């Protein structure tokens, strides 16, 4: 199986999903959007945090997710703070929970078409219980990423500010 298949299966099986990725691209958004919408329509809770280091997260993906998430109080989107040059936001963590059953996926796959389908990516998948150490440590780590010190909720203003940085980096890279 690839990451896409495993993640989509878990969207169908669990009621809470927490995702932290360094890069969120429209290509990845496009292949997950159907599963995300179905998950939210059935009352699922979804939180995503994306990185902004290297300006590889695409503003259009943030805008599109924000539009979807506006309709669901159970959906939150965050953008990590890139406040220092020597501390890069680079996790690829997918957490799934339903009552006391859960799943932790951690490895190399971002929310990009390459990361989910095409690249040679590697992740560990751990099915566990909510009282297992792997779950509590992974969830605590995730919660620290979405703290006010480490990220901002991806409001329109926050995305627009990032978009300016994204465009500057694009010009710089040319």
N, C-alpha and C. Protein backbone atom coordinates (compact mmCIF):
# COMPACT_ATOMS: atom_id res chain seq x y z
N UNK A 1 0.83 -1.19 0.00
CA UNK A 1 0.00 0.00 0.00
C UNK A 1 0.87 1.25 0.00
N UNK A 2 0.30 2.33 -0.51
CA UNK A 2 0.98 3.62 -0.43
C UNK A 2 0.37 4.43 0.72
N UNK A 3 0.93 5.57 0.97
CA UNK A 3 0.45 6.41 2.07
C UNK A 3 -1.00 6.86 1.83
N UNK A 4 -1.32 7.18 0.61
CA UNK A 4 -2.66 7.65 0.28
C UNK A 4 -3.71 6.62 0.70
N UNK A 5 -3.53 5.38 0.29
CA UNK A 5 -4.49 4.33 0.59
C UNK A 5 -4.67 4.14 2.09
N UNK A 6 -3.57 4.10 2.81
CA UNK A 6 -3.62 3.91 4.26
C UNK A 6 -4.32 5.08 4.95
N UNK A 7 -3.99 6.29 4.55
CA UNK A 7 -4.60 7.47 5.16
C UNK A 7 -6.10 7.53 4.87
N UNK A 8 -6.49 7.26 3.64
CA UNK A 8 -7.92 7.28 3.28
C UNK A 8 -8.68 6.21 4.05
N UNK A 9 -8.12 5.02 4.17
CA UNK A 9 -8.77 3.96 4.96
C UNK A 9 -8.97 4.42 6.41
N UNK A 10 -7.97 5.10 6.96
CA UNK A 10 -8.07 5.57 8.34
C UNK A 10 -9.08 6.70 8.49
N UNK A 11 -9.22 7.55 7.48
CA UNK A 11 -10.27 8.58 7.53
C UNK A 11 -11.64 7.92 7.66
N UNK A 12 -11.81 6.76 7.05
CA UNK A 12 -13.10 6.06 7.10
C UNK A 12 -13.33 5.35 8.43
N UNK A 13 -12.25 5.00 9.13
CA UNK A 13 -12.34 4.16 10.32
C UNK A 13 -12.33 4.92 11.65
N UNK A 14 -11.83 6.15 11.65
CA UNK A 14 -11.65 6.89 12.90
C UNK A 14 -12.50 8.16 12.91
N UNK A 15 -12.66 8.74 14.11
CA UNK A 15 -13.49 9.94 14.26
C UNK A 15 -12.70 11.21 14.50
N UNK A 16 -11.42 11.07 14.87
CA UNK A 16 -10.55 12.23 15.07
C UNK A 16 -9.27 12.01 14.28
N UNK A 17 -8.82 13.07 13.61
CA UNK A 17 -7.59 13.00 12.81
C UNK A 17 -6.77 14.25 13.09
N UNK A 18 -5.48 14.03 13.33
CA UNK A 18 -4.53 15.11 13.60
C UNK A 18 -3.35 14.91 12.66
N UNK A 19 -3.05 15.92 11.86
CA UNK A 19 -1.99 15.80 10.86
C UNK A 19 -1.02 16.97 11.00
N UNK A 20 0.27 16.65 10.98
CA UNK A 20 1.32 17.68 10.97
C UNK A 20 2.29 17.32 9.84
N UNK A 21 2.43 18.22 8.87
CA UNK A 21 3.33 17.98 7.75
C UNK A 21 4.14 19.23 7.45
N UNK A 22 5.36 19.02 7.01
CA UNK A 22 6.22 20.14 6.64
C UNK A 22 5.70 20.83 5.39
N UNK A 23 5.22 20.05 4.43
CA UNK A 23 4.80 20.59 3.15
C UNK A 23 3.37 20.15 2.83
N UNK A 24 2.54 21.11 2.50
CA UNK A 24 1.16 20.87 2.08
C UNK A 24 1.02 21.51 0.70
N UNK A 25 0.85 20.67 -0.28
CA UNK A 25 0.73 21.19 -1.65
C UNK A 25 -0.65 20.90 -2.20
N UNK A 26 -1.01 21.68 -3.22
CA UNK A 26 -2.32 21.51 -3.85
C UNK A 26 -2.46 20.11 -4.45
N UNK A 27 -1.36 19.55 -4.92
CA UNK A 27 -1.41 18.20 -5.50
C UNK A 27 -1.85 17.18 -4.45
N UNK A 28 -1.40 17.32 -3.23
CA UNK A 28 -1.81 16.43 -2.15
C UNK A 28 -3.22 16.72 -1.68
N UNK A 29 -3.53 18.01 -1.57
CA UNK A 29 -4.88 18.43 -1.20
C UNK A 29 -5.89 17.83 -2.18
N UNK A 30 -5.58 17.90 -3.47
CA UNK A 30 -6.50 17.44 -4.51
C UNK A 30 -6.85 15.97 -4.38
N UNK A 31 -5.87 15.15 -3.98
CA UNK A 31 -6.17 13.72 -3.88
C UNK A 31 -6.78 13.33 -2.54
N UNK A 32 -6.69 14.21 -1.54
CA UNK A 32 -7.30 13.92 -0.23
C UNK A 32 -8.62 14.63 0.00
N UNK A 33 -8.94 15.63 -0.82
CA UNK A 33 -10.07 16.51 -0.53
C UNK A 33 -11.39 15.74 -0.43
N UNK A 34 -11.61 14.76 -1.25
CA UNK A 34 -12.87 13.99 -1.19
C UNK A 34 -12.98 13.29 0.15
N UNK A 35 -11.93 12.64 0.59
CA UNK A 35 -11.94 11.94 1.88
C UNK A 35 -12.10 12.91 3.04
N UNK A 36 -11.46 14.07 2.95
CA UNK A 36 -11.58 15.09 3.99
C UNK A 36 -13.03 15.57 4.10
N UNK A 37 -13.64 15.87 2.98
CA UNK A 37 -15.03 16.35 2.99
C UNK A 37 -15.97 15.29 3.55
N UNK A 38 -15.81 14.04 3.13
CA UNK A 38 -16.66 12.96 3.64
C UNK A 38 -16.47 12.79 5.14
N UNK A 39 -15.23 12.87 5.58
CA UNK A 39 -14.91 12.73 7.00
C UNK A 39 -15.59 13.82 7.83
N UNK A 40 -15.50 15.05 7.37
CA UNK A 40 -16.11 16.17 8.09
C UNK A 40 -17.63 16.11 8.05
N UNK A 41 -18.19 15.70 6.92
CA UNK A 41 -19.65 15.59 6.80
C UNK A 41 -20.22 14.57 7.77
N UNK A 42 -19.47 13.52 8.07
CA UNK A 42 -19.98 12.51 9.01
C UNK A 42 -19.66 12.88 10.46
N UNK A 43 -19.18 14.11 10.70
CA UNK A 43 -18.98 14.60 12.06
C UNK A 43 -17.58 14.41 12.61
N UNK A 44 -16.62 14.11 11.75
CA UNK A 44 -15.25 13.91 12.21
C UNK A 44 -14.58 15.20 12.66
N UNK A 45 -13.59 15.03 13.52
CA UNK A 45 -12.79 16.16 14.01
C UNK A 45 -11.43 16.09 13.31
N UNK A 46 -11.04 17.18 12.65
CA UNK A 46 -9.80 17.21 11.88
C UNK A 46 -9.00 18.46 12.19
N UNK A 47 -7.72 18.26 12.52
CA UNK A 47 -6.80 19.37 12.72
C UNK A 47 -5.56 19.10 11.87
N UNK A 48 -5.17 20.10 11.09
CA UNK A 48 -3.98 20.00 10.25
C UNK A 48 -3.07 21.18 10.56
N UNK A 49 -1.79 20.90 10.69
CA UNK A 49 -0.78 21.95 10.80
C UNK A 49 0.24 21.72 9.70
N UNK A 50 0.54 22.79 8.96
CA UNK A 50 1.50 22.72 7.85
C UNK A 50 2.66 23.67 8.13
N UNK A 51 3.79 23.31 7.59
CA UNK A 51 4.99 24.14 7.76
C UNK A 51 5.08 25.22 6.71
N UNK A 52 5.89 26.22 7.02
CA UNK A 52 6.13 27.28 6.05
C UNK A 52 7.61 27.45 5.71
N UNK A 53 8.46 26.67 6.37
CA UNK A 53 9.89 26.75 6.05
C UNK A 53 10.10 26.36 4.58
N UNK A 54 11.05 27.00 3.95
CA UNK A 54 11.42 26.77 2.55
C UNK A 54 10.33 27.20 1.56
N UNK A 55 9.22 27.74 2.06
CA UNK A 55 8.10 28.20 1.21
C UNK A 55 7.64 27.11 0.23
N UNK A 56 7.53 25.88 0.74
CA UNK A 56 7.07 24.78 -0.11
C UNK A 56 5.60 24.45 0.11
N UNK A 57 5.03 24.88 1.21
CA UNK A 57 3.58 24.76 1.37
C UNK A 57 2.95 25.77 0.43
N UNK A 58 1.97 25.33 -0.33
CA UNK A 58 1.37 26.20 -1.34
C UNK A 58 0.16 26.95 -0.77
N UNK A 59 0.16 28.27 -0.91
CA UNK A 59 -0.97 29.06 -0.41
C UNK A 59 -2.33 28.61 -0.94
N UNK A 60 -2.38 28.17 -2.18
CA UNK A 60 -3.67 27.73 -2.73
C UNK A 60 -4.22 26.55 -1.96
N UNK A 61 -3.36 25.65 -1.51
CA UNK A 61 -3.81 24.51 -0.70
C UNK A 61 -4.36 25.00 0.64
N UNK A 62 -3.69 25.98 1.24
CA UNK A 62 -4.17 26.55 2.49
C UNK A 62 -5.53 27.23 2.30
N UNK A 63 -5.65 28.01 1.24
CA UNK A 63 -6.91 28.70 0.96
C UNK A 63 -8.06 27.71 0.75
N UNK A 64 -7.78 26.66 -0.02
CA UNK A 64 -8.83 25.67 -0.30
C UNK A 64 -9.26 24.93 0.96
N UNK A 65 -8.31 24.53 1.78
CA UNK A 65 -8.67 23.86 3.03
C UNK A 65 -9.43 24.81 3.95
N UNK A 66 -8.98 26.04 4.03
CA UNK A 66 -9.65 27.03 4.87
C UNK A 66 -11.11 27.18 4.46
N UNK A 67 -11.37 27.23 3.16
CA UNK A 67 -12.75 27.34 2.66
C UNK A 67 -13.61 26.18 3.14
N UNK A 68 -13.06 24.98 3.05
CA UNK A 68 -13.79 23.78 3.51
C UNK A 68 -13.99 23.84 5.02
N UNK A 69 -12.92 24.15 5.74
CA UNK A 69 -12.94 24.11 7.20
C UNK A 69 -13.88 25.16 7.80
N UNK A 70 -14.13 26.25 7.08
CA UNK A 70 -15.02 27.30 7.58
C UNK A 70 -16.41 26.76 7.91
N UNK A 71 -16.81 25.70 7.23
CA UNK A 71 -18.15 25.14 7.40
C UNK A 71 -18.25 24.14 8.55
N UNK A 72 -17.13 23.87 9.22
CA UNK A 72 -17.11 22.84 10.26
C UNK A 72 -16.35 23.35 11.49
N UNK A 73 -17.05 23.45 12.61
CA UNK A 73 -16.39 23.89 13.84
C UNK A 73 -15.40 22.83 14.34
N UNK A 74 -15.51 21.61 13.84
CA UNK A 74 -14.62 20.52 14.27
C UNK A 74 -13.34 20.46 13.43
N UNK A 75 -13.15 21.42 12.54
CA UNK A 75 -11.96 21.42 11.68
C UNK A 75 -11.11 22.66 11.97
N UNK A 76 -9.82 22.44 12.14
CA UNK A 76 -8.87 23.53 12.40
C UNK A 76 -7.67 23.38 11.49
N UNK A 77 -7.19 24.52 11.00
CA UNK A 77 -6.01 24.55 10.15
C UNK A 77 -5.01 25.53 10.76
N UNK A 78 -3.77 25.08 10.88
CA UNK A 78 -2.71 25.89 11.47
C UNK A 78 -1.53 25.99 10.51
N UNK A 79 -0.79 27.06 10.65
CA UNK A 79 0.47 27.25 9.94
C UNK A 79 1.55 27.43 10.98
N UNK A 80 2.57 26.59 10.90
CA UNK A 80 3.64 26.68 11.90
C UNK A 80 4.33 28.03 11.79
N UNK A 81 4.90 28.46 12.89
CA UNK A 81 5.68 29.70 12.88
C UNK A 81 7.10 29.38 12.47
N UNK A 82 7.62 30.13 11.55
CA UNK A 82 9.02 29.96 11.13
C UNK A 82 9.77 31.16 11.68
N UNK A 83 10.01 31.15 12.96
CA UNK A 83 10.58 32.32 13.62
C UNK A 83 12.10 32.35 13.64
N UNK A 84 12.73 31.20 13.45
CA UNK A 84 14.19 31.17 13.45
C UNK A 84 14.68 30.38 12.24
N UNK A 85 15.87 30.71 11.78
CA UNK A 85 16.44 30.00 10.64
C UNK A 85 16.98 28.62 10.99
N UNK A 86 17.33 28.43 12.25
CA UNK A 86 17.96 27.17 12.63
C UNK A 86 16.97 26.15 13.21
N UNK A 87 15.68 26.46 13.24
CA UNK A 87 14.69 25.52 13.74
C UNK A 87 13.62 25.35 12.66
N UNK A 88 13.67 24.22 11.98
CA UNK A 88 12.79 23.96 10.84
C UNK A 88 11.65 23.04 11.25
N UNK A 89 10.43 23.40 10.87
CA UNK A 89 9.26 22.56 11.09
C UNK A 89 9.25 21.48 10.02
N UNK A 90 9.44 20.22 10.40
CA UNK A 90 9.61 19.19 9.40
C UNK A 90 8.94 17.85 9.72
N UNK A 91 7.90 17.80 10.57
CA UNK A 91 7.28 16.52 10.87
C UNK A 91 6.39 16.01 9.74
N UNK A 92 6.17 14.73 9.76
CA UNK A 92 5.17 14.07 8.92
C UNK A 92 4.47 13.10 9.85
N UNK A 93 3.43 13.57 10.50
CA UNK A 93 2.76 12.82 11.55
C UNK A 93 1.26 12.80 11.28
N UNK A 94 0.70 11.60 11.27
CA UNK A 94 -0.73 11.40 11.04
C UNK A 94 -1.27 10.60 12.21
N UNK A 95 -2.20 11.19 12.97
CA UNK A 95 -2.77 10.54 14.14
C UNK A 95 -4.27 10.34 13.92
N UNK A 96 -4.73 9.14 14.22
CA UNK A 96 -6.13 8.79 14.05
C UNK A 96 -6.65 8.21 15.36
N UNK A 97 -7.88 8.62 15.77
CA UNK A 97 -8.42 8.18 17.07
C UNK A 97 -9.91 7.95 16.96
N UNK A 98 -10.36 6.91 17.63
CA UNK A 98 -11.78 6.61 17.76
C UNK A 98 -11.98 5.94 19.12
N UNK A 99 -12.61 6.62 20.05
CA UNK A 99 -12.77 6.16 21.43
C UNK A 99 -11.41 5.75 21.98
N UNK A 100 -11.16 4.45 22.20
CA UNK A 100 -9.84 4.09 22.75
C UNK A 100 -8.94 3.39 21.74
N UNK A 101 -9.36 3.33 20.49
CA UNK A 101 -8.53 2.78 19.41
C UNK A 101 -7.86 3.94 18.68
N UNK A 102 -6.61 3.74 18.29
CA UNK A 102 -5.93 4.81 17.57
C UNK A 102 -4.84 4.24 16.67
N UNK A 103 -4.31 5.12 15.83
CA UNK A 103 -3.26 4.75 14.89
C UNK A 103 -2.30 5.93 14.77
N UNK A 104 -1.02 5.63 14.81
CA UNK A 104 0.02 6.64 14.63
C UNK A 104 0.79 6.27 13.37
N UNK A 105 0.87 7.22 12.44
CA UNK A 105 1.70 7.05 11.24
C UNK A 105 2.74 8.16 11.28
N UNK A 106 3.99 7.78 11.25
CA UNK A 106 5.06 8.77 11.27
C UNK A 106 6.16 8.31 10.32
N UNK A 107 6.62 9.23 9.51
CA UNK A 107 7.65 8.87 8.54
C UNK A 107 8.05 10.02 7.67
N UNK A 108 8.00 9.80 6.35
CA UNK A 108 8.55 10.78 5.43
C UNK A 108 7.54 11.44 4.51
N UNK A 109 6.26 11.07 4.57
CA UNK A 109 5.28 11.53 3.58
C UNK A 109 4.60 12.83 3.97
N UNK A 110 4.78 13.85 3.15
CA UNK A 110 4.06 15.11 3.26
C UNK A 110 2.72 14.98 2.53
N UNK A 111 1.89 16.01 2.65
CA UNK A 111 0.65 16.04 1.87
C UNK A 111 0.97 16.67 0.51
N UNK A 112 1.56 15.85 -0.32
CA UNK A 112 1.88 16.18 -1.71
C UNK A 112 1.54 14.93 -2.52
N UNK A 113 1.36 15.08 -3.81
CA UNK A 113 1.11 13.91 -4.65
C UNK A 113 2.28 12.94 -4.55
N UNK A 114 3.48 13.48 -4.58
CA UNK A 114 4.67 12.64 -4.46
C UNK A 114 4.70 11.90 -3.13
N UNK A 115 4.45 12.62 -2.05
CA UNK A 115 4.50 12.02 -0.72
C UNK A 115 3.45 10.96 -0.50
N UNK A 116 2.27 11.18 -1.06
CA UNK A 116 1.17 10.24 -0.84
C UNK A 116 1.12 9.11 -1.85
N UNK A 117 1.60 9.35 -3.07
CA UNK A 117 1.44 8.34 -4.13
C UNK A 117 2.72 7.94 -4.85
N UNK A 118 3.52 8.90 -5.26
CA UNK A 118 4.56 8.62 -6.26
C UNK A 118 5.95 8.34 -5.71
N UNK A 119 6.34 9.02 -4.66
CA UNK A 119 7.71 8.90 -4.15
C UNK A 119 7.92 7.58 -3.42
N UNK A 120 9.17 7.24 -3.23
CA UNK A 120 9.52 6.14 -2.35
C UNK A 120 9.60 6.72 -0.94
N UNK A 121 8.52 6.60 -0.20
CA UNK A 121 8.41 7.13 1.15
C UNK A 121 8.39 5.97 2.14
N UNK A 122 8.71 6.26 3.36
CA UNK A 122 8.74 5.22 4.38
C UNK A 122 8.14 5.76 5.67
N UNK A 123 7.23 5.01 6.24
CA UNK A 123 6.62 5.39 7.51
C UNK A 123 6.38 4.16 8.36
N UNK A 124 6.29 4.41 9.63
CA UNK A 124 5.92 3.38 10.60
C UNK A 124 4.44 3.57 10.91
N UNK A 125 3.69 2.50 10.91
CA UNK A 125 2.28 2.54 11.28
C UNK A 125 2.12 1.74 12.56
N UNK A 126 1.58 2.39 13.59
CA UNK A 126 1.37 1.71 14.87
C UNK A 126 -0.10 1.81 15.25
N UNK A 127 -0.78 0.68 15.24
CA UNK A 127 -2.14 0.63 15.76
C UNK A 127 -2.04 0.41 17.26
N UNK A 128 -2.79 1.21 18.02
CA UNK A 128 -2.60 1.19 19.46
C UNK A 128 -3.88 1.60 20.17
N UNK A 129 -3.78 1.70 21.47
CA UNK A 129 -4.87 2.17 22.33
C UNK A 129 -4.50 3.56 22.85
N UNK A 130 -5.51 4.30 23.26
CA UNK A 130 -5.26 5.67 23.71
C UNK A 130 -4.44 5.74 24.99
N UNK A 131 -4.36 4.66 25.74
CA UNK A 131 -3.54 4.67 26.95
C UNK A 131 -2.13 4.12 26.71
N UNK A 132 -1.82 3.74 25.47
CA UNK A 132 -0.47 3.27 25.13
C UNK A 132 0.49 4.46 25.07
N UNK A 133 1.72 4.22 25.46
CA UNK A 133 2.73 5.26 25.49
C UNK A 133 2.95 5.90 24.12
N UNK A 134 2.94 5.11 23.06
CA UNK A 134 3.17 5.68 21.73
C UNK A 134 2.10 6.72 21.39
N UNK A 135 0.84 6.44 21.75
CA UNK A 135 -0.22 7.40 21.48
C UNK A 135 -0.08 8.65 22.33
N UNK A 136 0.11 8.47 23.63
CA UNK A 136 0.15 9.65 24.51
C UNK A 136 1.33 10.54 24.16
N UNK A 137 2.48 9.96 23.84
CA UNK A 137 3.63 10.78 23.46
C UNK A 137 3.43 11.46 22.12
N UNK A 138 2.89 10.74 21.15
CA UNK A 138 2.64 11.34 19.83
C UNK A 138 1.61 12.46 19.92
N UNK A 139 0.55 12.24 20.67
CA UNK A 139 -0.50 13.26 20.79
C UNK A 139 0.01 14.47 21.58
N UNK A 140 0.78 14.25 22.62
CA UNK A 140 1.37 15.37 23.36
C UNK A 140 2.29 16.18 22.47
N UNK A 141 3.10 15.50 21.67
CA UNK A 141 3.98 16.20 20.73
C UNK A 141 3.15 17.01 19.75
N UNK A 142 2.11 16.40 19.20
CA UNK A 142 1.24 17.10 18.26
C UNK A 142 0.64 18.35 18.91
N UNK A 143 0.12 18.19 20.12
CA UNK A 143 -0.48 19.33 20.82
C UNK A 143 0.53 20.46 21.03
N UNK A 144 1.79 20.10 21.26
CA UNK A 144 2.81 21.15 21.42
C UNK A 144 3.02 21.91 20.11
N UNK A 145 2.85 21.24 18.97
CA UNK A 145 3.02 21.89 17.67
C UNK A 145 1.92 22.91 17.40
N UNK A 146 0.73 22.65 17.89
CA UNK A 146 -0.38 23.56 17.64
C UNK A 146 -0.54 24.60 18.75
N UNK A 147 0.41 24.64 19.67
CA UNK A 147 0.33 25.65 20.74
C UNK A 147 0.57 27.04 20.15
N UNK A 148 0.14 28.04 20.86
CA UNK A 148 0.28 29.44 20.43
C UNK A 148 1.74 29.84 20.21
N UNK A 149 2.65 29.18 20.91
CA UNK A 149 4.07 29.48 20.75
C UNK A 149 4.63 28.94 19.44
N UNK A 150 4.01 27.91 18.89
CA UNK A 150 4.58 27.23 17.73
C UNK A 150 3.81 27.39 16.43
N UNK A 151 2.56 27.84 16.51
CA UNK A 151 1.78 27.95 15.28
C UNK A 151 0.68 29.00 15.42
N UNK A 152 0.16 29.38 14.27
CA UNK A 152 -0.97 30.32 14.21
C UNK A 152 -2.12 29.64 13.50
N UNK A 153 -3.34 29.89 13.96
CA UNK A 153 -4.47 29.39 13.21
C UNK A 153 -4.42 30.06 11.83
N UNK A 154 -4.69 29.29 10.80
CA UNK A 154 -4.55 29.78 9.43
C UNK A 154 -5.77 30.60 9.03
N UNK A 155 -5.84 31.80 9.59
CA UNK A 155 -6.87 32.75 9.20
C UNK A 155 -6.50 33.30 7.82
N UNK A 156 -7.41 34.05 7.24
CA UNK A 156 -7.13 34.66 5.94
C UNK A 156 -5.90 35.56 6.02
N UNK A 157 -5.78 36.33 7.10
CA UNK A 157 -4.63 37.22 7.27
C UNK A 157 -3.32 36.43 7.36
N UNK A 158 -3.30 35.37 8.15
CA UNK A 158 -2.08 34.56 8.30
C UNK A 158 -1.69 33.94 6.95
N UNK A 159 -2.67 33.44 6.21
CA UNK A 159 -2.37 32.84 4.90
C UNK A 159 -1.86 33.91 3.94
N UNK A 160 -2.47 35.09 3.94
CA UNK A 160 -2.02 36.18 3.06
C UNK A 160 -0.58 36.61 3.39
N UNK A 161 -0.26 36.67 4.67
CA UNK A 161 1.12 37.01 5.07
C UNK A 161 2.10 35.94 4.57
N UNK A 162 1.72 34.69 4.72
CA UNK A 162 2.56 33.60 4.23
C UNK A 162 2.67 33.67 2.71
N UNK A 163 1.59 34.00 2.04
CA UNK A 163 1.57 34.09 0.58
C UNK A 163 2.60 35.11 0.08
N UNK A 164 2.75 36.21 0.80
CA UNK A 164 3.76 37.22 0.45
C UNK A 164 5.16 36.60 0.53
N UNK A 165 5.43 35.90 1.61
CA UNK A 165 6.72 35.21 1.78
C UNK A 165 6.92 34.16 0.67
N UNK A 166 5.87 33.41 0.37
CA UNK A 166 5.91 32.38 -0.67
C UNK A 166 6.31 33.00 -2.02
N UNK A 167 5.68 34.10 -2.37
CA UNK A 167 5.98 34.76 -3.65
C UNK A 167 7.40 35.34 -3.66
N UNK A 168 7.83 35.89 -2.54
CA UNK A 168 9.21 36.40 -2.45
C UNK A 168 10.22 35.27 -2.64
N UNK A 169 9.96 34.14 -2.03
CA UNK A 169 10.86 32.99 -2.16
C UNK A 169 10.89 32.47 -3.60
N UNK A 170 9.73 32.48 -4.25
CA UNK A 170 9.66 32.04 -5.65
C UNK A 170 10.54 32.92 -6.53
N UNK A 171 10.47 34.23 -6.29
CA UNK A 171 11.30 35.16 -7.06
C UNK A 171 12.77 34.96 -6.73
N UNK A 172 13.07 34.78 -5.45
CA UNK A 172 14.45 34.55 -5.00
C UNK A 172 15.03 33.28 -5.63
N UNK A 173 14.24 32.24 -5.69
CA UNK A 173 14.71 30.96 -6.24
C UNK A 173 14.94 31.01 -7.75
N UNK A 174 14.25 31.94 -8.44
CA UNK A 174 14.47 32.09 -9.88
C UNK A 174 15.85 32.64 -10.13
